[in-house]
Amino acid sequence: GWYRQAPGRHRELVAAIIRGGTTNHADSVKDRFTISRD
């Protein structure tokens, strides 16, 4: 998955995906970001 850290802010989870393909996206990026894996 992916975390991000902006200046002066804590690191936050953006999105994650397990091997079978199930995903989880932070509310702040839902409908805009998509995680995938090969």
PDB file of all heavy atoms in Angstrom:
ATOM      1  N   GLY A   1       0.804  -1.206   0.000  1.00  0.00           N
ATOM      2  CA  GLY A   1       0.000   0.000   0.000  1.00  0.00           C
ATOM      3  C   GLY A   1       0.830   1.244   0.000  1.00  0.00           C
ATOM      4  O   GLY A   1       2.051   1.213  -0.230  1.00  0.00           O
ATOM      5  N   TRP A   2       0.137   2.357   0.263  1.00  0.00           N
ATOM      6  CA  TRP A   2       0.762   3.673   0.222  1.00  0.00           C
ATOM      7  C   TRP A   2       0.358   4.496   1.446  1.00  0.00           C
ATOM      8  O   TRP A   2      -0.826   4.534   1.807  1.00  0.00           O
ATOM      9  CB  TRP A   2       0.332   4.423  -1.039  1.00  0.00           C
ATOM     10  CG  TRP A   2       0.731   3.754  -2.302  1.00  0.00           C
ATOM     11  CD1 TRP A   2       0.026   2.814  -2.997  1.00  0.00           C
ATOM     12  CD2 TRP A   2       1.952   3.958  -3.025  1.00  0.00           C
ATOM     13  NE1 TRP A   2       0.732   2.430  -4.109  1.00  0.00           N
ATOM     14  CE2 TRP A   2       1.912   3.104  -4.158  1.00  0.00           C
ATOM     15  CE3 TRP A   2       3.061   4.782  -2.845  1.00  0.00           C
ATOM     16  CZ2 TRP A   2       2.945   3.052  -5.093  1.00  0.00           C
ATOM     17  CZ3 TRP A   2       4.089   4.725  -3.773  1.00  0.00           C
ATOM     18  CH2 TRP A   2       4.029   3.868  -4.882  1.00  0.00           C
ATOM     19  N   TYR A   3       1.343   5.147   2.042  1.00  0.00           N
ATOM     20  CA  TYR A   3       1.134   6.195   3.013  1.00  0.00           C
ATOM     21  C   TYR A   3       1.599   7.499   2.367  1.00  0.00           C
ATOM     22  O   TYR A   3       2.308   7.490   1.377  1.00  0.00           O
ATOM     23  CB  TYR A   3       1.967   5.958   4.270  1.00  0.00           C
ATOM     24  CG  TYR A   3       1.368   5.028   5.293  1.00  0.00           C
ATOM     25  CD1 TYR A   3       1.350   3.654   5.100  1.00  0.00           C
ATOM     26  CD2 TYR A   3       0.856   5.536   6.492  1.00  0.00           C
ATOM     27  CE1 TYR A   3       0.815   2.807   6.050  1.00  0.00           C
ATOM     28  CE2 TYR A   3       0.325   4.679   7.456  1.00  0.00           C
ATOM     29  CZ  TYR A   3       0.311   3.328   7.222  1.00  0.00           C
ATOM     30  OH  TYR A   3      -0.213   2.486   8.176  1.00  0.00           O
ATOM     31  N   ARG A   4       1.201   8.594   2.964  1.00  0.00           N
ATOM     32  CA  ARG A   4       1.751   9.882   2.551  1.00  0.00           C
ATOM     33  C   ARG A   4       1.980  10.759   3.772  1.00  0.00           C
ATOM     34  O   ARG A   4       1.327  10.604   4.809  1.00  0.00           O
ATOM     35  CB  ARG A   4       0.825  10.591   1.557  1.00  0.00           C
ATOM     36  CG  ARG A   4      -0.510  11.054   2.129  1.00  0.00           C
ATOM     37  CD  ARG A   4      -1.376  11.635   1.018  1.00  0.00           C
ATOM     38  NE  ARG A   4      -2.678  12.096   1.519  1.00  0.00           N
ATOM     39  CZ  ARG A   4      -3.656  12.536   0.747  1.00  0.00           C
ATOM     40  NH1 ARG A   4      -3.506  12.589  -0.576  1.00  0.00           N
ATOM     41  NH2 ARG A   4      -4.802  12.931   1.283  1.00  0.00           N
ATOM     42  N   GLN A   5       2.918  11.690   3.624  1.00  0.00           N
ATOM     43  CA  GLN A   5       3.226  12.622   4.708  1.00  0.00           C
ATOM     44  C   GLN A   5       3.462  14.001   4.124  1.00  0.00           C
ATOM     45  O   GLN A   5       4.395  14.201   3.337  1.00  0.00           O
ATOM     46  CB  GLN A   5       4.450  12.166   5.499  1.00  0.00           C
ATOM     47  CG  GLN A   5       4.707  13.008   6.726  1.00  0.00           C
ATOM     48  CD  GLN A   5       5.711  12.363   7.665  1.00  0.00           C
ATOM     49  OE1 GLN A   5       6.477  11.485   7.282  1.00  0.00           O
ATOM     50  NE2 GLN A   5       5.695  12.787   8.906  1.00  0.00           N
ATOM     51  N   ALA A   6       2.599  14.922   4.515  1.00  0.00           N
ATOM     52  CA  ALA A   6       2.748  16.320   4.119  1.00  0.00           C
ATOM     53  C   ALA A   6       3.577  17.050   5.170  1.00  0.00           C
ATOM     54  O   ALA A   6       3.642  16.604   6.327  1.00  0.00           O
ATOM     55  CB  ALA A   6       1.377  16.962   3.975  1.00  0.00           C
ATOM     56  N   PRO A   7       4.198  18.167   4.814  1.00  0.00           N
ATOM     57  CA  PRO A   7       5.011  18.912   5.775  1.00  0.00           C
ATOM     58  C   PRO A   7       4.215  19.278   7.027  1.00  0.00           C
ATOM     59  O   PRO A   7       3.093  19.782   6.931  1.00  0.00           O
ATOM     60  CB  PRO A   7       5.415  20.166   4.993  1.00  0.00           C
ATOM     61  CG  PRO A   7       5.397  19.740   3.573  1.00  0.00           C
ATOM     62  CD  PRO A   7       4.260  18.761   3.472  1.00  0.00           C
ATOM     63  N   GLY A   8       4.774  18.974   8.179  1.00  0.00           N
ATOM     64  CA  GLY A   8       4.130  19.314   9.435  1.00  0.00           C
ATOM     65  C   GLY A   8       2.983  18.417   9.831  1.00  0.00           C
ATOM     66  O   GLY A   8       2.283  18.698  10.811  1.00  0.00           O
ATOM     67  N   ARG A   9       2.777  17.331   9.102  1.00  0.00           N
ATOM     68  CA  ARG A   9       1.655  16.435   9.398  1.00  0.00           C
ATOM     69  C   ARG A   9       2.162  15.012   9.624  1.00  0.00           C
ATOM     70  O   ARG A   9       3.280  14.656   9.230  1.00  0.00           O
ATOM     71  CB  ARG A   9       0.643  16.459   8.254  1.00  0.00           C
ATOM     72  CG  ARG A   9       0.101  17.849   7.974  1.00  0.00           C
ATOM     73  CD  ARG A   9      -1.076  17.809   7.062  1.00  0.00           C
ATOM     74  NE  ARG A   9      -2.221  17.160   7.690  1.00  0.00           N
ATOM     75  CZ  ARG A   9      -3.419  17.076   7.126  1.00  0.00           C
ATOM     76  NH1 ARG A   9      -3.617  17.590   5.921  1.00  0.00           N
ATOM     77  NH2 ARG A   9      -4.418  16.486   7.735  1.00  0.00           N
ATOM     78  N   HIS A  10       1.310  14.227  10.288  1.00  0.00           N
ATOM     79  CA  HIS A  10       1.647  12.823  10.505  1.00  0.00           C
ATOM     80  C   HIS A  10       1.514  12.041   9.201  1.00  0.00           C
ATOM     81  O   HIS A  10       0.762  12.430   8.297  1.00  0.00           O
ATOM     82  CB  HIS A  10       0.703  12.219  11.552  1.00  0.00           C
ATOM     83  CG  HIS A  10       0.872  12.805  12.916  1.00  0.00           C
ATOM     84  ND1 HIS A  10       2.033  12.672  13.651  1.00  0.00           N
ATOM     85  CD2 HIS A  10       0.020  13.527  13.680  1.00  0.00           C
ATOM     86  CE1 HIS A  10       1.888  13.290  14.805  1.00  0.00           C
ATOM     87  NE2 HIS A  10       0.678  13.831  14.853  1.00  0.00           N
ATOM     88  N   ARG A  11       2.241  10.936   9.154  1.00  0.00           N
ATOM     89  CA  ARG A  11       2.097  10.038   8.017  1.00  0.00           C
ATOM     90  C   ARG A  11       0.718   9.390   8.090  1.00  0.00           C
ATOM     91  O   ARG A  11       0.316   8.907   9.146  1.00  0.00           O
ATOM     92  CB  ARG A  11       3.210   8.993   8.039  1.00  0.00           C
ATOM     93  CG  ARG A  11       3.375   8.208   6.772  1.00  0.00           C
ATOM     94  CD  ARG A  11       4.604   7.310   6.821  1.00  0.00           C
ATOM     95  NE  ARG A  11       5.853   8.073   6.828  1.00  0.00           N
ATOM     96  CZ  ARG A  11       7.041   7.525   6.626  1.00  0.00           C
ATOM     97  NH1 ARG A  11       7.137   6.212   6.394  1.00  0.00           N
ATOM     98  NH2 ARG A  11       8.129   8.265   6.665  1.00  0.00           N
ATOM     99  N   GLU A  12       0.010   9.358   6.962  1.00  0.00           N
ATOM    100  CA  GLU A  12      -1.343   8.795   6.935  1.00  0.00           C
ATOM    101  C   GLU A  12      -1.466   7.741   5.851  1.00  0.00           C
ATOM    102  O   GLU A  12      -0.842   7.837   4.788  1.00  0.00           O
ATOM    103  CB  GLU A  12      -2.396   9.886   6.705  1.00  0.00           C
ATOM    104  CG  GLU A  12      -2.287  10.606   5.378  1.00  0.00           C
ATOM    105  CD  GLU A  12      -3.444  11.562   5.118  1.00  0.00           C
ATOM    106  OE1 GLU A  12      -4.402  11.591   5.899  1.00  0.00           O
ATOM    107  OE2 GLU A  12      -3.387  12.281   4.089  1.00  0.00           O
ATOM    108  N   LEU A  13      -2.298   6.739   6.134  1.00  0.00           N
ATOM    109  CA  LEU A  13      -2.549   5.685   5.165  1.00  0.00           C
ATOM    110  C   LEU A  13      -3.427   6.221   4.040  1.00  0.00           C
ATOM    111  O   LEU A  13      -4.466   6.833   4.288  1.00  0.00           O
ATOM    112  CB  LEU A  13      -3.240   4.499   5.837  1.00  0.00           C
ATOM    113  CG  LEU A  13      -3.600   3.323   4.936  1.00  0.00           C
ATOM    114  CD1 LEU A  13      -2.349   2.659   4.376  1.00  0.00           C
ATOM    115  CD2 LEU A  13      -4.446   2.308   5.705  1.00  0.00           C
ATOM    116  N   VAL A  14      -3.007   5.963   2.813  1.00  0.00           N
ATOM    117  CA  VAL A  14      -3.770   6.382   1.643  1.00  0.00           C
ATOM    118  C   VAL A  14      -4.610   5.228   1.107  1.00  0.00           C
ATOM    119  O   VAL A  14      -5.808   5.367   0.882  1.00  0.00           O
ATOM    120  CB  VAL A  14      -2.845   6.912   0.530  1.00  0.00           C
ATOM    121  CG1 VAL A  14      -3.647   7.285  -0.714  1.00  0.00           C
ATOM    122  CG2 VAL A  14      -2.028   8.102   1.032  1.00  0.00           C
ATOM    123  N   ALA A  15      -3.955   4.101   0.876  1.00  0.00           N
ATOM    124  CA  ALA A  15      -4.662   2.947   0.327  1.00  0.00           C
ATOM    125  C   ALA A  15      -3.818   1.702   0.544  1.00  0.00           C
ATOM    126  O   ALA A  15      -2.593   1.787   0.666  1.00  0.00           O
ATOM    127  CB  ALA A  15      -4.949   3.131  -1.163  1.00  0.00           C
ATOM    128  N   ALA A  16      -4.491   0.551   0.583  1.00  0.00           N
ATOM    129  CA  ALA A  16      -3.808  -0.721   0.753  1.00  0.00           C
ATOM    130  C   ALA A  16      -4.537  -1.785  -0.044  1.00  0.00           C
ATOM    131  O   ALA A  16      -5.735  -1.654  -0.342  1.00  0.00           O
ATOM    132  CB  ALA A  16      -3.739  -1.110   2.224  1.00  0.00           C
ATOM    133  N   ILE A  17      -3.805  -2.850  -0.370  1.00  0.00           N
ATOM    134  CA  ILE A  17      -4.388  -3.948  -1.136  1.00  0.00           C
ATOM    135  C   ILE A  17      -3.721  -5.247  -0.712  1.00  0.00           C
ATOM    136  O   ILE A  17      -2.503  -5.297  -0.513  1.00  0.00           O
ATOM    137  CB  ILE A  17      -4.213  -3.692  -2.656  1.00  0.00           C
ATOM    138  CG1 ILE A  17      -4.896  -4.781  -3.486  1.00  0.00           C
ATOM    139  CG2 ILE A  17      -2.744  -3.535  -3.034  1.00  0.00           C
ATOM    140  CD1 ILE A  17      -4.991  -4.435  -4.982  1.00  0.00           C
ATOM    141  N   ILE A  18      -4.517  -6.282  -0.521  1.00  0.00           N
ATOM    142  CA  ILE A  18      -3.947  -7.565  -0.166  1.00  0.00           C
ATOM    143  C   ILE A  18      -3.782  -8.425  -1.422  1.00  0.00           C
ATOM    144  O   ILE A  18      -4.262  -8.057  -2.504  1.00  0.00           O
ATOM    145  CB  ILE A  18      -4.798  -8.302   0.890  1.00  0.00           C
ATOM    146  CG1 ILE A  18      -6.221  -8.564   0.364  1.00  0.00           C
ATOM    147  CG2 ILE A  18      -4.808  -7.522   2.194  1.00  0.00           C
ATOM    148  CD1 ILE A  18      -7.060  -9.409   1.321  1.00  0.00           C
ATOM    149  N   ARG A  19      -3.122  -9.534  -1.266  1.00  0.00           N
ATOM    150  CA  ARG A  19      -2.740 -10.332  -2.425  1.00  0.00           C
ATOM    151  C   ARG A  19      -3.940 -10.749  -3.262  1.00  0.00           C
ATOM    152  O   ARG A  19      -3.854 -10.777  -4.497  1.00  0.00           O
ATOM    153  CB  ARG A  19      -1.943 -11.557  -1.983  1.00  0.00           C
ATOM    154  CG  ARG A  19      -1.330 -12.346  -3.128  1.00  0.00           C
ATOM    155  CD  ARG A  19      -0.458 -13.454  -2.593  1.00  0.00           C
ATOM    156  NE  ARG A  19       0.770 -12.926  -2.004  1.00  0.00           N
ATOM    157  CZ  ARG A  19       1.379 -13.475  -0.958  1.00  0.00           C
ATOM    158  NH1 ARG A  19       0.862 -14.540  -0.380  1.00  0.00           N
ATOM    159  NH2 ARG A  19       2.493 -12.955  -0.500  1.00  0.00           N
ATOM    160  N   GLY A  20      -5.072 -11.021  -2.630  1.00  0.00           N
ATOM    161  CA  GLY A  20      -6.256 -11.457  -3.369  1.00  0.00           C
ATOM    162  C   GLY A  20      -6.960 -10.349  -4.124  1.00  0.00           C
ATOM    163  O   GLY A  20      -7.847 -10.620  -4.934  1.00  0.00           O
ATOM    164  N   GLY A  21      -6.567  -9.083  -3.857  1.00  0.00           N
ATOM    165  CA  GLY A  21      -7.122  -7.970  -4.608  1.00  0.00           C
ATOM    166  C   GLY A  21      -8.077  -7.081  -3.845  1.00  0.00           C
ATOM    167  O   GLY A  21      -8.483  -6.027  -4.356  1.00  0.00           O
ATOM    168  N   THR A  22      -8.451  -7.454  -2.628  1.00  0.00           N
ATOM    169  CA  THR A  22      -9.320  -6.589  -1.833  1.00  0.00           C
ATOM    170  C   THR A  22      -8.562  -5.319  -1.465  1.00  0.00           C
ATOM    171  O   THR A  22      -7.393  -5.373  -1.102  1.00  0.00           O
ATOM    172  CB  THR A  22      -9.779  -7.301  -0.567  1.00  0.00           C
ATOM    173  OG1 THR A  22     -10.432  -8.517  -0.934  1.00  0.00           O
ATOM    174  CG2 THR A  22     -10.750  -6.431   0.229  1.00  0.00           C
ATOM    175  N   THR A  23      -9.264  -4.192  -1.569  1.00  0.00           N
ATOM    176  CA  THR A  23      -8.615  -2.897  -1.357  1.00  0.00           C
ATOM    177  C   THR A  23      -9.266  -2.116  -0.227  1.00  0.00           C
ATOM    178  O   THR A  23     -10.392  -2.393   0.191  1.00  0.00           O
ATOM    179  CB  THR A  23      -8.672  -2.039  -2.630  1.00  0.00           C
ATOM    180  OG1 THR A  23     -10.057  -1.748  -2.939  1.00  0.00           O
ATOM    181  CG2 THR A  23      -8.046  -2.751  -3.808  1.00  0.00           C
ATOM    182  N   ASN A  24      -8.523  -1.124   0.230  1.00  0.00           N
ATOM    183  CA  ASN A  24      -9.010  -0.195   1.239  1.00  0.00           C
ATOM    184  C   ASN A  24      -8.452   1.177   0.888  1.00  0.00           C
ATOM    185  O   ASN A  24      -7.244   1.304   0.672  1.00  0.00           O
ATOM    186  CB  ASN A  24      -8.548  -0.617   2.632  1.00  0.00           C
ATOM    187  CG  ASN A  24      -9.004   0.350   3.700  1.00  0.00           C
ATOM    188  OD1 ASN A  24     -10.110   0.861   3.650  1.00  0.00           O
ATOM    189  ND2 ASN A  24      -8.154   0.604   4.679  1.00  0.00           N
ATOM    190  N   HIS A  25      -9.324   2.182   0.804  1.00  0.00           N
ATOM    191  CA  HIS A  25      -8.894   3.541   0.473  1.00  0.00           C
ATOM    192  C   HIS A  25      -9.334   4.500   1.573  1.00  0.00           C
ATOM    193  O   HIS A  25     -10.433   4.378   2.106  1.00  0.00           O
ATOM    194  CB  HIS A  25      -9.510   4.010  -0.848  1.00  0.00           C
ATOM    195  CG  HIS A  25      -9.055   3.246  -2.050  1.00  0.00           C
ATOM    196  ND1 HIS A  25      -9.576   2.008  -2.373  1.00  0.00           N
ATOM    197  CD2 HIS A  25      -8.128   3.540  -2.994  1.00  0.00           C
ATOM    198  CE1 HIS A  25      -8.989   1.587  -3.483  1.00  0.00           C
ATOM    199  NE2 HIS A  25      -8.115   2.475  -3.885  1.00  0.00           N
ATOM    200  N   ALA A  26      -8.490   5.467   1.883  1.00  0.00           N
ATOM    201  CA  ALA A  26      -8.863   6.494   2.841  1.00  0.00           C
ATOM    202  C   ALA A  26     -10.040   7.307   2.298  1.00  0.00           C
ATOM    203  O   ALA A  26     -10.159   7.503   1.086  1.00  0.00           O
ATOM    204  CB  ALA A  26      -7.673   7.420   3.104  1.00  0.00           C
ATOM    205  N   ASP A  27     -10.874   7.793   3.203  1.00  0.00           N
ATOM    206  CA  ASP A  27     -12.038   8.576   2.777  1.00  0.00           C
ATOM    207  C   ASP A  27     -11.631   9.791   1.946  1.00  0.00           C
ATOM    208  O   ASP A  27     -12.351  10.200   1.031  1.00  0.00           O
ATOM    209  CB  ASP A  27     -12.838   9.035   3.998  1.00  0.00           C
ATOM    210  CG  ASP A  27     -13.584   7.891   4.660  1.00  0.00           C
ATOM    211  OD1 ASP A  27     -13.769   6.839   4.010  1.00  0.00           O
ATOM    212  OD2 ASP A  27     -13.981   8.050   5.829  1.00  0.00           O
ATOM    213  N   SER A  28     -10.491  10.370   2.263  1.00  0.00           N
ATOM    214  CA  SER A  28     -10.052  11.594   1.582  1.00  0.00           C
ATOM    215  C   SER A  28      -9.694  11.370   0.118  1.00  0.00           C
ATOM    216  O   SER A  28      -9.602  12.337  -0.644  1.00  0.00           O
ATOM    217  CB  SER A  28      -8.856  12.201   2.314  1.00  0.00           C
ATOM    218  OG  SER A  28      -7.792  11.272   2.362  1.00  0.00           O
ATOM    219  N   VAL A  29      -9.492  10.115  -0.285  1.00  0.00           N
ATOM    220  CA  VAL A  29      -9.090   9.844  -1.670  1.00  0.00           C
ATOM    221  C   VAL A  29     -10.062   8.933  -2.408  1.00  0.00           C
ATOM    222  O   VAL A  29      -9.871   8.684  -3.605  1.00  0.00           O
ATOM    223  CB  VAL A  29      -7.672   9.242  -1.737  1.00  0.00           C
ATOM    224  CG1 VAL A  29      -6.670  10.146  -1.027  1.00  0.00           C
ATOM    225  CG2 VAL A  29      -7.628   7.835  -1.168  1.00  0.00           C
ATOM    226  N   LYS A  30     -11.077   8.447  -1.703  1.00  0.00           N
ATOM    227  CA  LYS A  30     -12.053   7.582  -2.372  1.00  0.00           C
ATOM    228  C   LYS A  30     -12.653   8.308  -3.567  1.00  0.00           C
ATOM    229  O   LYS A  30     -12.940   9.490  -3.509  1.00  0.00           O
ATOM    230  CB  LYS A  30     -13.152   7.183  -1.379  1.00  0.00           C
ATOM    231  CG  LYS A  30     -12.772   6.017  -0.510  1.00  0.00           C
ATOM    232  CD  LYS A  30     -13.903   5.644   0.440  1.00  0.00           C
ATOM    233  CE  LYS A  30     -13.477   4.485   1.318  1.00  0.00           C
ATOM    234  NZ  LYS A  30     -14.523   4.144   2.325  1.00  0.00           N
ATOM    235  N   ASP A  31     -12.892   7.591  -4.648  1.00  0.00           N
ATOM    236  CA  ASP A  31     -13.471   8.116  -5.891  1.00  0.00           C
ATOM    237  C   ASP A  31     -12.470   8.937  -6.693  1.00  0.00           C
ATOM    238  O   ASP A  31     -12.812   9.412  -7.781  1.00  0.00           O
ATOM    239  CB  ASP A  31     -14.723   8.960  -5.639  1.00  0.00           C
ATOM    240  CG  ASP A  31     -15.814   8.191  -4.919  1.00  0.00           C
ATOM    241  OD1 ASP A  31     -15.966   6.984  -5.205  1.00  0.00           O
ATOM    242  OD2 ASP A  31     -16.489   8.786  -4.067  1.00  0.00           O
ATOM    243  N   ARG A  32     -11.250   9.122  -6.150  1.00  0.00           N
ATOM    244  CA  ARG A  32     -10.220   9.834  -6.918  1.00  0.00           C
ATOM    245  C   ARG A  32      -8.977   8.978  -7.144  1.00  0.00           C
ATOM    246  O   ARG A  32      -8.358   9.047  -8.209  1.00  0.00           O
ATOM    247  CB  ARG A  32      -9.812  11.132  -6.209  1.00  0.00           C
ATOM    248  CG  ARG A  32     -10.936  12.125  -6.033  1.00  0.00           C
ATOM    249  CD  ARG A  32     -10.411  13.469  -5.517  1.00  0.00           C
ATOM    250  NE  ARG A  32      -9.746  13.355  -4.229  1.00  0.00           N
ATOM    251  CZ  ARG A  32      -8.460  13.690  -4.027  1.00  0.00           C
ATOM    252  NH1 ARG A  32      -7.714  14.125  -5.028  1.00  0.00           N
ATOM    253  NH2 ARG A  32      -7.943  13.572  -2.816  1.00  0.00           N
ATOM    254  N   PHE A  33      -8.595   8.199  -6.130  1.00  0.00           N
ATOM    255  CA  PHE A  33      -7.403   7.358  -6.214  1.00  0.00           C
ATOM    256  C   PHE A  33      -7.834   5.898  -6.287  1.00  0.00           C
ATOM    257  O   PHE A  33      -8.824   5.500  -5.661  1.00  0.00           O
ATOM    258  CB  PHE A  33      -6.530   7.532  -4.979  1.00  0.00           C
ATOM    259  CG  PHE A  33      -5.854   8.864  -4.847  1.00  0.00           C
ATOM    260  CD1 PHE A  33      -6.172   9.944  -5.664  1.00  0.00           C
ATOM    261  CD2 PHE A  33      -4.883   9.052  -3.866  1.00  0.00           C
ATOM    262  CE1 PHE A  33      -5.546  11.166  -5.516  1.00  0.00           C
ATOM    263  CE2 PHE A  33      -4.245  10.263  -3.712  1.00  0.00           C
ATOM    264  CZ  PHE A  33      -4.576  11.328  -4.531  1.00  0.00           C
ATOM    265  N   THR A  34      -7.041   5.100  -7.005  1.00  0.00           N
ATOM    266  CA  THR A  34      -7.304   3.667  -7.100  1.00  0.00           C
ATOM    267  C   THR A  34      -5.997   2.906  -6.945  1.00  0.00           C
ATOM    268  O   THR A  34      -5.036   3.156  -7.684  1.00  0.00           O
ATOM    269  CB  THR A  34      -7.941   3.302  -8.448  1.00  0.00           C
ATOM    270  OG1 THR A  34      -9.158   4.047  -8.619  1.00  0.00           O
ATOM    271  CG2 THR A  34      -8.257   1.814  -8.510  1.00  0.00           C
ATOM    272  N   ILE A  35      -5.988   1.963  -6.007  1.00  0.00           N
ATOM    273  CA  ILE A  35      -4.820   1.111  -5.814  1.00  0.00           C
ATOM    274  C   ILE A  35      -5.052  -0.197  -6.546  1.00  0.00           C
ATOM    275  O   ILE A  35      -6.179  -0.703  -6.610  1.00  0.00           O
ATOM    276  CB  ILE A  35      -4.537   0.878  -4.316  1.00  0.00           C
ATOM    277  CG1 ILE A  35      -3.181   0.216  -4.118  1.00  0.00           C
ATOM    278  CG2 ILE A  35      -5.646   0.068  -3.655  1.00  0.00           C
ATOM    279  CD1 ILE A  35      -2.715   0.171  -2.661  1.00  0.00           C
ATOM    280  N   SER A  36      -3.969  -0.729  -7.108  1.00  0.00           N
ATOM    281  CA  SER A  36      -4.036  -2.022  -7.784  1.00  0.00           C
ATOM    282  C   SER A  36      -2.677  -2.695  -7.652  1.00  0.00           C
ATOM    283  O   SER A  36      -1.709  -2.053  -7.229  1.00  0.00           O
ATOM    284  CB  SER A  36      -4.425  -1.858  -9.263  1.00  0.00           C
ATOM    285  OG  SER A  36      -3.451  -1.082  -9.954  1.00  0.00           O
ATOM    286  N   ARG A  37      -2.606  -3.975  -8.004  1.00  0.00           N
ATOM    287  CA  ARG A  37      -1.329  -4.668  -7.923  1.00  0.00           C
ATOM    288  C   ARG A  37      -1.231  -5.721  -9.001  1.00  0.00           C
ATOM    289  O   ARG A  37      -2.243  -6.243  -9.478  1.00  0.00           O
ATOM    290  CB  ARG A  37      -1.119  -5.262  -6.533  1.00  0.00           C
ATOM    291  CG  ARG A  37      -2.059  -6.382  -6.155  1.00  0.00           C
ATOM    292  CD  ARG A  37      -1.866  -6.779  -4.687  1.00  0.00           C
ATOM    293  NE  ARG A  37      -0.617  -7.496  -4.467  1.00  0.00           N
ATOM    294  CZ  ARG A  37      -0.118  -7.762  -3.254  1.00  0.00           C
ATOM    295  NH1 ARG A  37      -0.772  -7.368  -2.170  1.00  0.00           N
ATOM    296  NH2 ARG A  37       1.010  -8.437  -3.118  1.00  0.00           N
ATOM    297  N   ASP A  38       0.010  -6.035  -9.340  1.00  0.00           N
ATOM    298  CA  ASP A  38       0.324  -7.114 -10.265  1.00  0.00           C
ATOM    299  C   ASP A  38       1.180  -8.104  -9.485  1.00  0.00           C
ATOM    300  O   ASP A  38       2.372  -7.853  -9.255  1.00  0.00           O
ATOM    301  CB  ASP A  38       1.070  -6.562 -11.486  1.00  0.00           C
ATOM    302  CG  ASP A  38       1.353  -7.608 -12.539  1.00  0.00           C
ATOM    303  OD1 ASP A  38       1.450  -8.804 -12.191  1.00  0.00           O
ATOM    304  OD2 ASP A  38       1.511  -7.251 -13.705  1.00  0.00           O
TER     305      ASP A  38
END
